[in-house]
Amino acid sequence: MALTEQDRIDITDLINLHGHLIDAGELDQAGELFTPDITYDVKDFGFGSLHGTAALREAALALGSANPVGHHVTNIVITRIDDRSARVHSKGIGIQADGTSGSVVYDDVVVRGPDGWKISHRKVSARRAPLGVRGVGPREVLERFRQASITQSADDMRRVYAADAVHEFPFTRPGLPSRLTGRDEIVTWISAGWQDNPLRYERYRTLAVHATSDPDTIIVEQEALGTSAITGEFALPNIVVLTVRDGEIAHLRDYVNIPAALAALGHDT
């Protein structure tokens, strides 16, 4: 059976309601938009996949002032899957507090329940290049770097860096480098560290992502979460300033929290 005119009106209202609630900070009303087990895929922005409305609220609060002040949805196209579900393809314009803007695509699955239509799955993809060309921006490159760190894959890490990349450590200690130059030197140093390091990263938590005047550079506040063979679970806060070129890291300033790293290793600070 085809979607009724009322179904299409209700689904369109649902997609439009997202911006009104989120921009107003009414995060406790996420249940009006999403199913309790919503999967919210924001890997393209370096945030991974969020599961459940509580996780969405936590992520929005953690992002804080980096949240857009305006979400504007356009070009809504609804396609029936079956009598109780449909796919919704739409575009979004996000306006930041400083007046900058960006374009995204929303790919949603909506389902009909006792209390009406709700979004059960959403994927958000950034539009970074014209005419359908897929540009790889700094947030996507950040996610690739994180995954290579978690899996400890030298091959994947090598694919992340440009041949002439620079990786700097503004906060360091005796015996550790403050600057690595070139893909080979960077990946060799990182790989060697994996061999002797009792710390195993399991995931990253993004606290905030700050845009800069250069669209290829972002500033990221994050935590690396994992397990130490010496001290157990840890959370290592740090800040990175990441610049990409042609989908690869060109420059990375890695502000490591040295006291937190030493504590995870069981050393006195």
C-alpha atoms as a PDB file:
ATOM      1  CA  MET A   1       0.000   0.000   0.000  1.00  0.00           C
ATOM      2  CA  ALA A   2       1.332   3.435  -0.922  1.00  0.00           C
ATOM      3  CA  LEU A   3       2.004   6.099   1.684  1.00  0.00           C
ATOM      4  CA  THR A   4      -1.048   8.257   2.239  1.00  0.00           C
ATOM      5  CA  GLU A   5      -1.011  12.021   1.875  1.00  0.00           C
ATOM      6  CA  GLN A   6      -1.304  12.255   5.680  1.00  0.00           C
ATOM      7  CA  ASP A   7       1.729   9.944   6.090  1.00  0.00           C
ATOM      8  CA  ARG A   8       3.782  12.256   3.902  1.00  0.00           C
ATOM      9  CA  ILE A   9       2.625  15.324   5.814  1.00  0.00           C
ATOM     10  CA  ASP A  10       3.461  13.679   9.152  1.00  0.00           C
ATOM     11  CA  ILE A  11       6.899  12.506   7.981  1.00  0.00           C
ATOM     12  CA  THR A  12       7.732  15.940   6.563  1.00  0.00           C
ATOM     13  CA  ASP A  13       6.676  17.575   9.841  1.00  0.00           C
ATOM     14  CA  LEU A  14       8.895  15.092  11.727  1.00  0.00           C
ATOM     15  CA  ILE A  15      11.971  15.961   9.648  1.00  0.00           C
ATOM     16  CA  ASN A  16      11.281  19.680  10.012  1.00  0.00           C
ATOM     17  CA  LEU A  17      10.702  19.421  13.773  1.00  0.00           C
ATOM     18  CA  HIS A  18      14.298  18.297  14.347  1.00  0.00           C
ATOM     19  CA  GLY A  19      15.740  21.768  13.775  1.00  0.00           C
ATOM     20  CA  HIS A  20      13.159  23.488  15.972  1.00  0.00           C
ATOM     21  CA  LEU A  21      13.776  21.250  18.978  1.00  0.00           C
ATOM     22  CA  ILE A  22      17.559  21.029  18.696  1.00  0.00           C
ATOM     23  CA  ASP A  23      18.086  24.737  18.044  1.00  0.00           C
ATOM     24  CA  ALA A  24      15.892  25.551  21.051  1.00  0.00           C
ATOM     25  CA  GLY A  25      17.990  23.227  23.228  1.00  0.00           C
ATOM     26  CA  GLU A  26      14.983  21.029  23.989  1.00  0.00           C
ATOM     27  CA  LEU A  27      17.139  17.907  24.073  1.00  0.00           C
ATOM     28  CA  ASP A  28      14.890  16.136  26.575  1.00  0.00           C
ATOM     29  CA  GLN A  29      12.211  16.037  23.879  1.00  0.00           C
ATOM     30  CA  ALA A  30      14.313  13.901  21.530  1.00  0.00           C
ATOM     31  CA  GLY A  31      11.726  11.150  21.979  1.00  0.00           C
ATOM     32  CA  GLU A  32       9.389  13.200  19.781  1.00  0.00           C
ATOM     33  CA  LEU A  33      11.851  12.736  16.917  1.00  0.00           C
ATOM     34  CA  PHE A  34      13.632   9.423  17.412  1.00  0.00           C
ATOM     35  CA  THR A  35      12.930   5.861  18.446  1.00  0.00           C
ATOM     36  CA  PRO A  36      14.539   4.929  21.802  1.00  0.00           C
ATOM     37  CA  ASP A  37      17.126   2.781  19.968  1.00  0.00           C
ATOM     38  CA  ILE A  38      17.978   5.384  17.315  1.00  0.00           C
ATOM     39  CA  THR A  39      21.285   4.943  15.493  1.00  0.00           C
ATOM     40  CA  TYR A  40      22.736   8.362  14.619  1.00  0.00           C
ATOM     41  CA  ASP A  41      25.678   8.005  12.238  1.00  0.00           C
ATOM     42  CA  VAL A  42      28.002  11.019  12.295  1.00  0.00           C
ATOM     43  CA  LYS A  43      31.210   9.222  11.306  1.00  0.00           C
ATOM     44  CA  ASP A  44      31.740  11.776   8.546  1.00  0.00           C
ATOM     45  CA  PHE A  45      32.304  14.373  11.267  1.00  0.00           C
ATOM     46  CA  GLY A  46      34.571  12.229  13.417  1.00  0.00           C
ATOM     47  CA  PHE A  47      31.937  11.400  16.048  1.00  0.00           C
ATOM     48  CA  GLY A  48      31.295   7.745  15.170  1.00  0.00           C
ATOM     49  CA  SER A  49      27.786   6.286  15.595  1.00  0.00           C
ATOM     50  CA  LEU A  50      25.609   7.270  18.532  1.00  0.00           C
ATOM     51  CA  HIS A  51      23.006   4.876  19.882  1.00  0.00           C
ATOM     52  CA  GLY A  52      19.928   5.897  21.837  1.00  0.00           C
ATOM     53  CA  THR A  53      18.438   9.288  22.681  1.00  0.00           C
ATOM     54  CA  ALA A  54      20.499   9.607  25.877  1.00  0.00           C
ATOM     55  CA  ALA A  55      23.719   9.362  23.833  1.00  0.00           C
ATOM     56  CA  LEU A  56      22.449  12.049  21.449  1.00  0.00           C
ATOM     57  CA  ARG A  57      21.750  14.384  24.335  1.00  0.00           C
ATOM     58  CA  GLU A  58      25.157  13.735  25.894  1.00  0.00           C
ATOM     59  CA  ALA A  59      26.944  14.376  22.594  1.00  0.00           C
ATOM     60  CA  ALA A  60      25.084  17.635  21.970  1.00  0.00           C
ATOM     61  CA  LEU A  61      25.858  18.909  25.464  1.00  0.00           C
ATOM     62  CA  ALA A  62      29.515  17.921  25.104  1.00  0.00           C
ATOM     63  CA  LEU A  63      29.751  19.804  21.813  1.00  0.00           C
ATOM     64  CA  GLY A  64      28.448  22.904  23.550  1.00  0.00           C
ATOM     65  CA  SER A  65      28.990  26.160  21.684  1.00  0.00           C
ATOM     66  CA  ALA A  66      30.265  24.258  18.636  1.00  0.00           C
ATOM     67  CA  ASN A  67      26.669  23.215  17.898  1.00  0.00           C
ATOM     68  CA  PRO A  68      25.038  25.070  15.005  1.00  0.00           C
ATOM     69  CA  VAL A  69      22.656  27.822  16.060  1.00  0.00           C
ATOM     70  CA  GLY A  70      20.391  26.945  13.136  1.00  0.00           C
ATOM     71  CA  HIS A  71      19.448  23.688  11.376  1.00  0.00           C
ATOM     72  CA  HIS A  72      17.519  24.332   8.137  1.00  0.00           C
ATOM     73  CA  VAL A  73      16.139  21.317   6.263  1.00  0.00           C
ATOM     74  CA  THR A  74      15.248  21.368   2.554  1.00  0.00           C
ATOM     75  CA  ASN A  75      14.645  19.074  -0.447  1.00  0.00           C
ATOM     76  CA  ILE A  76      12.745  16.351   1.428  1.00  0.00           C
ATOM     77  CA  VAL A  77      12.163  13.200  -0.643  1.00  0.00           C
ATOM     78  CA  ILE A  78      10.174  10.318   0.893  1.00  0.00           C
ATOM     79  CA  THR A  79      10.278   6.756  -0.448  1.00  0.00           C
ATOM     80  CA  ARG A  80       8.120   3.940   0.924  1.00  0.00           C
ATOM     81  CA  ILE A  81       9.866   0.800   2.215  1.00  0.00           C
ATOM     82  CA  ASP A  82       6.756  -1.017   3.494  1.00  0.00           C
ATOM     83  CA  ASP A  83       3.539  -0.219   5.346  1.00  0.00           C
ATOM     84  CA  ARG A  84       5.399   0.747   8.505  1.00  0.00           C
ATOM     85  CA  SER A  85       8.653   2.312   7.272  1.00  0.00           C
ATOM     86  CA  ALA A  86      10.082   4.719   4.705  1.00  0.00           C
ATOM     87  CA  ARG A  87      13.347   6.290   3.632  1.00  0.00           C
ATOM     88  CA  VAL A  88      13.740  10.048   3.747  1.00  0.00           C
ATOM     89  CA  HIS A  89      16.454  11.884   1.843  1.00  0.00           C
ATOM     90  CA  SER A  90      16.915  15.576   2.639  1.00  0.00           C
ATOM     91  CA  LYS A  91      19.462  18.363   2.684  1.00  0.00           C
ATOM     92  CA  GLY A  92      20.437  20.539   5.608  1.00  0.00           C
ATOM     93  CA  ILE A  93      22.106  23.908   6.072  1.00  0.00           C
ATOM     94  CA  GLY A  94      23.862  24.444   9.397  1.00  0.00           C
ATOM     95  CA  ILE A  95      24.552  27.990  10.602  1.00  0.00           C
ATOM     96  CA  GLN A  96      27.252  28.520  13.237  1.00  0.00           C
ATOM     97  CA  ALA A  97      27.270  31.266  15.834  1.00  0.00           C
ATOM     98  CA  ASP A  98      30.032  33.111  13.951  1.00  0.00           C
ATOM     99  CA  GLY A  99      27.904  33.235  10.790  1.00  0.00           C
ATOM    100  CA  THR A 100      29.706  30.491   8.875  1.00  0.00           C
ATOM    101  CA  SER A 101      27.614  27.744   7.317  1.00  0.00           C
ATOM    102  CA  GLY A 102      27.861  24.250   5.913  1.00  0.00           C
ATOM    103  CA  SER A 103      25.749  21.823   3.922  1.00  0.00           C
ATOM    104  CA  VAL A 104      24.862  18.240   4.825  1.00  0.00           C
ATOM    105  CA  VAL A 105      22.748  15.373   3.518  1.00  0.00           C
ATOM    106  CA  TYR A 106      20.430  13.471   5.859  1.00  0.00           C
ATOM    107  CA  ASP A 107      19.631   9.837   5.033  1.00  0.00           C
ATOM    108  CA  ASP A 108      16.880   8.659   7.370  1.00  0.00           C
ATOM    109  CA  VAL A 109      14.800   5.571   7.989  1.00  0.00           C
ATOM    110  CA  VAL A 110      11.503   6.432   9.641  1.00  0.00           C
ATOM    111  CA  VAL A 111       9.118   3.928  11.210  1.00  0.00           C
ATOM    112  CA  ARG A 112       5.480   4.154  12.204  1.00  0.00           C
ATOM    113  CA  GLY A 113       4.657   3.228  15.798  1.00  0.00           C
ATOM    114  CA  PRO A 114       1.716   3.663  18.170  1.00  0.00           C
ATOM    115  CA  ASP A 115       2.608   7.342  18.647  1.00  0.00           C
ATOM    116  CA  GLY A 116       3.292   8.150  15.013  1.00  0.00           C
ATOM    117  CA  TRP A 117       6.338   8.354  12.773  1.00  0.00           C
ATOM    118  CA  LYS A 118       9.836   8.447  14.321  1.00  0.00           C
ATOM    119  CA  ILE A 119      13.384   8.378  12.963  1.00  0.00           C
ATOM    120  CA  SER A 120      15.054   5.024  13.701  1.00  0.00           C
ATOM    121  CA  HIS A 121      18.281   5.568  11.748  1.00  0.00           C
ATOM    122  CA  ARG A 122      19.980   8.746  10.555  1.00  0.00           C
ATOM    123  CA  LYS A 123      23.226   9.192   8.636  1.00  0.00           C
ATOM    124  CA  VAL A 124      24.603  12.704   8.293  1.00  0.00           C
ATOM    125  CA  SER A 125      27.111  13.350   5.498  1.00  0.00           C
ATOM    126  CA  ALA A 126      28.903  16.634   4.869  1.00  0.00           C
ATOM    127  CA  ARG A 127      28.883  18.234   1.444  1.00  0.00           C
ATOM    128  CA  ARG A 128      32.420  19.477   0.890  1.00  0.00           C
ATOM    129  CA  ALA A 129      32.835  19.519  -2.892  1.00  0.00           C
ATOM    130  CA  PRO A 130      30.618  20.568  -5.851  1.00  0.00           C
ATOM    131  CA  LEU A 131      28.960  18.464  -8.558  1.00  0.00           C
ATOM    132  CA  GLY A 132      28.841  15.275  -6.549  1.00  0.00           C
ATOM    133  CA  VAL A 133      32.607  15.046  -6.100  1.00  0.00           C
ATOM    134  CA  ARG A 134      33.320  13.585  -2.686  1.00  0.00           C
ATOM    135  CA  GLY A 135      35.848  15.688  -0.843  1.00  0.00           C
ATOM    136  CA  VAL A 136      37.645  14.234   2.162  1.00  0.00           C
ATOM    137  CA  GLY A 137      37.734  16.823   4.909  1.00  0.00           C
ATOM    138  CA  PRO A 138      39.620  17.023   8.212  1.00  0.00           C
ATOM    139  CA  ARG A 139      36.880  15.389  10.279  1.00  0.00           C
ATOM    140  CA  GLU A 140      36.848  12.298   8.098  1.00  0.00           C
ATOM    141  CA  VAL A 141      40.645  12.139   8.134  1.00  0.00           C
ATOM    142  CA  LEU A 142      40.554  12.471  11.930  1.00  0.00           C
ATOM    143  CA  GLU A 143      38.255   9.452  12.094  1.00  0.00           C
ATOM    144  CA  ARG A 144      40.662   7.434   9.912  1.00  0.00           C
ATOM    145  CA  PHE A 145      43.545   8.402  12.188  1.00  0.00           C
ATOM    146  CA  ARG A 146      41.560   7.314  15.229  1.00  0.00           C
ATOM    147  CA  GLN A 147      40.664   3.961  13.713  1.00  0.00           C
ATOM    148  CA  ALA A 148      44.293   3.292  12.755  1.00  0.00           C
ATOM    149  CA  SER A 149      45.300   4.080  16.356  1.00  0.00           C
ATOM    150  CA  ILE A 150      42.667   1.734  17.761  1.00  0.00           C
ATOM    151  CA  THR A 151      43.539  -1.165  15.432  1.00  0.00           C
ATOM    152  CA  GLN A 152      47.280  -0.361  15.582  1.00  0.00           C
ATOM    153  CA  SER A 153      47.532  -0.750  11.825  1.00  0.00           C
ATOM    154  CA  ALA A 154      50.744   0.696  10.410  1.00  0.00           C
ATOM    155  CA  ASP A 155      49.372   0.323   6.871  1.00  0.00           C
ATOM    156  CA  ASP A 156      46.234   2.296   7.705  1.00  0.00           C
ATOM    157  CA  MET A 157      48.291   4.913   9.537  1.00  0.00           C
ATOM    158  CA  ARG A 158      50.550   5.258   6.517  1.00  0.00           C
ATOM    159  CA  ARG A 159      47.513   5.977   4.354  1.00  0.00           C
ATOM    160  CA  VAL A 160      46.480   8.787   6.705  1.00  0.00           C
ATOM    161  CA  TYR A 161      49.619  10.939   6.406  1.00  0.00           C
ATOM    162  CA  ALA A 162      50.934  12.920   3.444  1.00  0.00           C
ATOM    163  CA  ALA A 163      54.468  12.005   2.373  1.00  0.00           C
ATOM    164  CA  ASP A 164      55.801  15.338   3.699  1.00  0.00           C
ATOM    165  CA  ALA A 165      53.551  15.519   6.769  1.00  0.00           C
ATOM    166  CA  VAL A 166      54.659  17.107  10.032  1.00  0.00           C
ATOM    167  CA  HIS A 167      53.524  15.795  13.433  1.00  0.00           C
ATOM    168  CA  GLU A 168      54.388  18.039  16.380  1.00  0.00           C
ATOM    169  CA  PHE A 169      54.151  17.521  20.147  1.00  0.00           C
ATOM    170  CA  PRO A 170      54.119  20.992  21.766  1.00  0.00           C
ATOM    171  CA  PHE A 171      53.915  19.296  25.198  1.00  0.00           C
ATOM    172  CA  THR A 172      56.628  16.668  25.569  1.00  0.00           C
ATOM    173  CA  ARG A 173      59.190  15.377  28.053  1.00  0.00           C
ATOM    174  CA  PRO A 174      62.882  14.362  27.947  1.00  0.00           C
ATOM    175  CA  GLY A 175      63.474  11.394  25.684  1.00  0.00           C
ATOM    176  CA  LEU A 176      60.409  12.037  23.527  1.00  0.00           C
ATOM    177  CA  PRO A 177      60.389  13.941  20.221  1.00  0.00           C
ATOM    178  CA  SER A 178      58.792  17.333  19.801  1.00  0.00           C
ATOM    179  CA  ARG A 179      58.580  17.098  16.000  1.00  0.00           C
ATOM    180  CA  LEU A 180      58.431  14.295  13.444  1.00  0.00           C
ATOM    181  CA  THR A 181      58.862  15.070   9.761  1.00  0.00           C
ATOM    182  CA  GLY A 182      57.703  12.942   6.856  1.00  0.00           C
ATOM    183  CA  ARG A 183      55.344   9.969   6.658  1.00  0.00           C
ATOM    184  CA  ASP A 184      58.082   7.369   7.138  1.00  0.00           C
ATOM    185  CA  GLU A 185      59.483   8.930  10.302  1.00  0.00           C
ATOM    186  CA  ILE A 186      56.019   9.492  11.776  1.00  0.00           C
ATOM    187  CA  VAL A 187      54.659   5.999  11.135  1.00  0.00           C
ATOM    188  CA  THR A 188      57.908   4.314  12.208  1.00  0.00           C
ATOM    189  CA  TRP A 189      57.835   6.175  15.530  1.00  0.00           C
ATOM    190  CA  ILE A 190      54.130   5.469  16.131  1.00  0.00           C
ATOM    191  CA  SER A 191      54.507   1.764  15.264  1.00  0.00           C
ATOM    192  CA  ALA A 192      57.509   1.372  17.553  1.00  0.00           C
ATOM    193  CA  GLY A 193      55.503   2.892  20.379  1.00  0.00           C
ATOM    194  CA  TRP A 194      52.760   0.309  19.947  1.00  0.00           C
ATOM    195  CA  GLN A 195      55.213  -2.520  20.582  1.00  0.00           C
ATOM    196  CA  ASP A 196      56.141  -1.428  24.091  1.00  0.00           C
ATOM    197  CA  ASN A 197      53.104   0.600  25.134  1.00  0.00           C
ATOM    198  CA  PRO A 198      50.779  -1.106  27.658  1.00  0.00           C
ATOM    199  CA  LEU A 199      47.987   1.319  26.703  1.00  0.00           C
ATOM    200  CA  ARG A 200      45.354   0.064  24.261  1.00  0.00           C
ATOM    201  CA  TYR A 201      42.939   2.586  22.795  1.00  0.00           C
ATOM    202  CA  GLU A 202      39.374   1.328  22.423  1.00  0.00           C
ATOM    203  CA  ARG A 203      37.499   4.425  21.313  1.00  0.00           C
ATOM    204  CA  TYR A 204      37.589   8.212  21.262  1.00  0.00           C
ATOM    205  CA  ARG A 205      35.186  10.673  22.809  1.00  0.00           C
ATOM    206  CA  THR A 206      34.848  13.996  20.992  1.00  0.00           C
ATOM    207  CA  LEU A 207      34.316  16.879  23.403  1.00  0.00           C
ATOM    208  CA  ALA A 208      34.297  19.702  20.862  1.00  0.00           C
ATOM    209  CA  VAL A 209      35.323  20.448  17.294  1.00  0.00           C
ATOM    210  CA  HIS A 210      36.198  24.048  16.404  1.00  0.00           C
ATOM    211  CA  ALA A 211      36.257  25.304  12.842  1.00  0.00           C
ATOM    212  CA  THR A 212      38.940  27.785  11.778  1.00  0.00           C
ATOM    213  CA  SER A 213      39.250  30.334   8.996  1.00  0.00           C
ATOM    214  CA  ASP A 214      40.908  27.555   6.982  1.00  0.00           C
ATOM    215  CA  PRO A 215      38.298  24.895   6.030  1.00  0.00           C
ATOM    216  CA  ASP A 216      41.062  22.286   5.937  1.00  0.00           C
ATOM    217  CA  THR A 217      42.038  22.914   9.579  1.00  0.00           C
ATOM    218  CA  ILE A 218      40.074  21.988  12.690  1.00  0.00           C
ATOM    219  CA  ILE A 219      40.794  22.091  16.420  1.00  0.00           C
ATOM    220  CA  VAL A 220      39.554  19.049  18.313  1.00  0.00           C
ATOM    221  CA  GLU A 221      39.095  18.552  22.051  1.00  0.00           C
ATOM    222  CA  GLN A 222      38.918  14.805  22.679  1.00  0.00           C
ATOM    223  CA  GLU A 223      39.610  11.914  25.006  1.00  0.00           C
ATOM    224  CA  ALA A 224      41.199   8.591  24.095  1.00  0.00           C
ATOM    225  CA  LEU A 225      39.503   5.844  26.087  1.00  0.00           C
ATOM    226  CA  GLY A 226      41.003   2.432  26.675  1.00  0.00           C
ATOM    227  CA  THR A 227      42.688   0.018  29.029  1.00  0.00           C
ATOM    228  CA  SER A 228      46.178   0.032  30.552  1.00  0.00           C
ATOM    229  CA  ALA A 229      47.788  -3.299  31.346  1.00  0.00           C
ATOM    230  CA  ILE A 230      49.170  -1.568  34.453  1.00  0.00           C
ATOM    231  CA  THR A 231      46.426   0.671  35.821  1.00  0.00           C
ATOM    232  CA  GLY A 232      43.203  -0.490  34.111  1.00  0.00           C
ATOM    233  CA  GLU A 233      40.739   1.791  32.329  1.00  0.00           C
ATOM    234  CA  PHE A 234      41.911   5.268  31.380  1.00  0.00           C
ATOM    235  CA  ALA A 235      40.756   8.443  29.656  1.00  0.00           C
ATOM    236  CA  LEU A 236      43.509  10.553  28.103  1.00  0.00           C
ATOM    237  CA  PRO A 237      42.419  14.121  27.273  1.00  0.00           C
ATOM    238  CA  ASN A 238      44.193  15.999  24.521  1.00  0.00           C
ATOM    239  CA  ILE A 239      43.771  18.689  21.906  1.00  0.00           C
ATOM    240  CA  VAL A 240      44.791  18.321  18.272  1.00  0.00           C
ATOM    241  CA  VAL A 241      45.098  20.952  15.572  1.00  0.00           C
ATOM    242  CA  LEU A 242      44.683  19.051  12.309  1.00  0.00           C
ATOM    243  CA  THR A 243      45.326  20.300   8.782  1.00  0.00           C
ATOM    244  CA  VAL A 244      44.628  18.094   5.757  1.00  0.00           C
ATOM    245  CA  ARG A 245      45.663  18.314   2.122  1.00  0.00           C
ATOM    246  CA  ASP A 246      44.141  16.105  -0.589  1.00  0.00           C
ATOM    247  CA  GLY A 247      42.560  13.840   2.027  1.00  0.00           C
ATOM    248  CA  GLU A 248      45.769  13.279   4.039  1.00  0.00           C
ATOM    249  CA  ILE A 249      47.241  14.785   7.185  1.00  0.00           C
ATOM    250  CA  ALA A 250      49.604  17.575   6.216  1.00  0.00           C
ATOM    251  CA  HIS A 251      50.199  18.930   9.718  1.00  0.00           C
ATOM    252  CA  LEU A 252      49.179  17.727  13.162  1.00  0.00           C
ATOM    253  CA  ARG A 253      49.879  19.550  16.412  1.00  0.00           C
ATOM    254  CA  ASP A 254      49.239  16.980  19.144  1.00  0.00           C
ATOM    255  CA  TYR A 255      48.825  18.517  22.607  1.00  0.00           C
ATOM    256  CA  VAL A 256      49.245  15.389  24.731  1.00  0.00           C
ATOM    257  CA  ASN A 257      48.319  15.585  28.407  1.00  0.00           C
ATOM    258  CA  ILE A 258      51.619  14.285  29.780  1.00  0.00           C
ATOM    259  CA  PRO A 259      50.530  13.916  33.462  1.00  0.00           C
ATOM    260  CA  ALA A 260      47.443  11.904  32.429  1.00  0.00           C
ATOM    261  CA  ALA A 261      49.545   9.637  30.182  1.00  0.00           C
ATOM    262  CA  LEU A 262      52.090   9.031  32.947  1.00  0.00           C
ATOM    263  CA  ALA A 263      49.317   8.209  35.411  1.00  0.00           C
ATOM    264  CA  ALA A 264      47.843   5.639  32.984  1.00  0.00           C
ATOM    265  CA  LEU A 265      51.313   4.099  32.743  1.00  0.00           C
ATOM    266  CA  GLY A 266      51.569   3.902  36.532  1.00  0.00           C
ATOM    267  CA  HIS A 267      54.288   6.568  36.790  1.00  0.00           C
ATOM    268  CA  ASP A 268      54.416   9.415  39.268  1.00  0.00           C
ATOM    269  CA  THR A 269      53.847  12.845  37.759  1.00  0.00           C
END
